[in-house]
Protein backbone atom coordinates (compact mmCIF):
# COMPACT_ATOMS: atom_id res chain seq x y z
CA UNK A 1 62.06 20.59 -9.27
CA UNK A 2 65.01 18.38 -10.01
CA UNK A 3 65.49 14.75 -9.00
CA UNK A 4 69.01 13.35 -8.89
CA UNK A 5 69.84 9.71 -8.22
CA UNK A 6 73.41 9.11 -7.03
CA UNK A 7 74.56 5.52 -7.45
CA UNK A 8 77.28 3.13 -8.52
CA UNK A 9 76.22 1.85 -11.97
CA UNK A 10 78.26 -1.35 -11.66
CA UNK A 11 76.95 -2.61 -8.34
CA UNK A 12 74.15 -4.69 -6.86
CA UNK A 13 71.86 -1.63 -6.80
CA UNK A 14 72.74 -0.28 -10.26
CA UNK A 15 69.97 -2.06 -12.12
CA UNK A 16 67.39 -1.31 -9.41
CA UNK A 17 68.14 2.44 -9.64
CA UNK A 18 67.99 2.45 -13.43
CA UNK A 19 64.66 0.59 -13.41
CA UNK A 20 63.26 3.00 -10.80
CA UNK A 21 64.28 5.98 -12.97
CA UNK A 22 62.79 4.42 -16.10
CA UNK A 23 59.46 3.64 -14.41
CA UNK A 24 59.36 7.02 -12.67
CA UNK A 25 59.79 8.74 -16.04
CA UNK A 26 57.08 6.62 -17.62
CA UNK A 27 54.55 7.21 -14.82
CA UNK A 28 55.29 10.80 -13.79
CA UNK A 29 56.67 12.25 -17.04
CA UNK A 30 59.73 13.59 -15.23
CA UNK A 31 63.14 12.05 -15.78
CA UNK A 32 65.44 11.75 -12.76
CA UNK A 33 69.05 12.59 -13.48
CA UNK A 34 71.26 9.54 -12.92
CA UNK A 35 74.70 10.51 -11.61
CA UNK A 36 77.45 7.98 -11.13
CA UNK A 37 79.39 8.25 -7.89
CA UNK A 38 82.43 7.20 -9.90
CA UNK A 39 82.51 10.62 -11.57
CA UNK A 40 83.89 13.85 -10.16
CA UNK A 41 80.43 15.42 -10.37
CA UNK A 42 78.86 12.53 -8.44
CA UNK A 43 81.52 12.54 -5.72
CA UNK A 44 81.21 16.32 -5.27
CA UNK A 45 77.43 16.15 -5.13
CA UNK A 46 77.53 13.38 -2.50
CA UNK A 47 79.90 15.48 -0.40
CA UNK A 48 77.82 18.64 -0.83
CA UNK A 49 74.61 16.93 0.36
CA UNK A 50 76.31 14.79 3.03
CA UNK A 51 75.32 11.50 1.43
CA UNK A 52 76.76 8.51 3.31
CA UNK A 53 74.66 5.60 1.98
CA UNK A 54 73.97 4.61 -1.60
CA UNK A 55 71.95 4.80 -3.68
CA UNK A 56 70.66 8.25 -2.82
CA UNK A 57 67.80 10.29 -4.26
CA UNK A 58 68.02 14.06 -3.87
CA UNK A 59 65.19 16.46 -4.70
CA UNK A 60 66.01 20.14 -5.18
CA UNK A 61 64.20 23.20 -6.42
CA UNK A 62 65.35 24.58 -9.77
CA UNK A 63 67.26 27.21 -7.78
CA UNK A 64 69.30 24.41 -6.13
CA UNK A 65 67.58 24.59 -2.75
CA UNK A 66 67.61 21.17 -1.07
CA UNK A 67 64.10 19.76 -0.50
CA UNK A 68 64.43 16.10 0.50
CA UNK A 69 66.73 13.12 0.18
CA UNK A 70 66.59 9.39 0.71
CA UNK A 71 69.60 7.13 1.19
CA UNK A 72 70.25 3.41 1.25
CA UNK A 73 69.13 0.21 -0.44
CA UNK A 74 65.44 0.67 0.33
CA UNK A 75 64.24 3.11 -2.30
CA UNK A 76 61.23 5.29 -1.45
CA UNK A 77 57.86 4.83 -3.11
CA UNK A 78 57.61 6.68 -6.41
CA UNK A 79 54.59 8.56 -5.03
CA UNK A 80 56.75 9.89 -2.17
CA UNK A 81 59.28 11.30 -4.60
CA UNK A 82 56.60 12.60 -6.99
CA UNK A 83 54.92 14.51 -4.14
CA UNK A 84 57.83 16.95 -4.24
CA UNK A 85 57.18 17.74 -7.91
CA UNK A 86 54.03 19.69 -7.06
């Protein structure tokens, strides 16, 4: 499984997303990939998954198959995201 967090690093939610990723890595031993929406890769990924609110967390299988996504200021519980790792 792969966890991607799309966000604007220089914004009101930038620090919150980075802290979530750091704590998630510490607790679940899996590091989410942080992708800036200010990059071409981030913009293309947001378009591909139909993301309209930020930050967004996208969980995919290693094959790229979309599993789940969350969007908006209210981040999901880490346990909700970790459930998709099993």
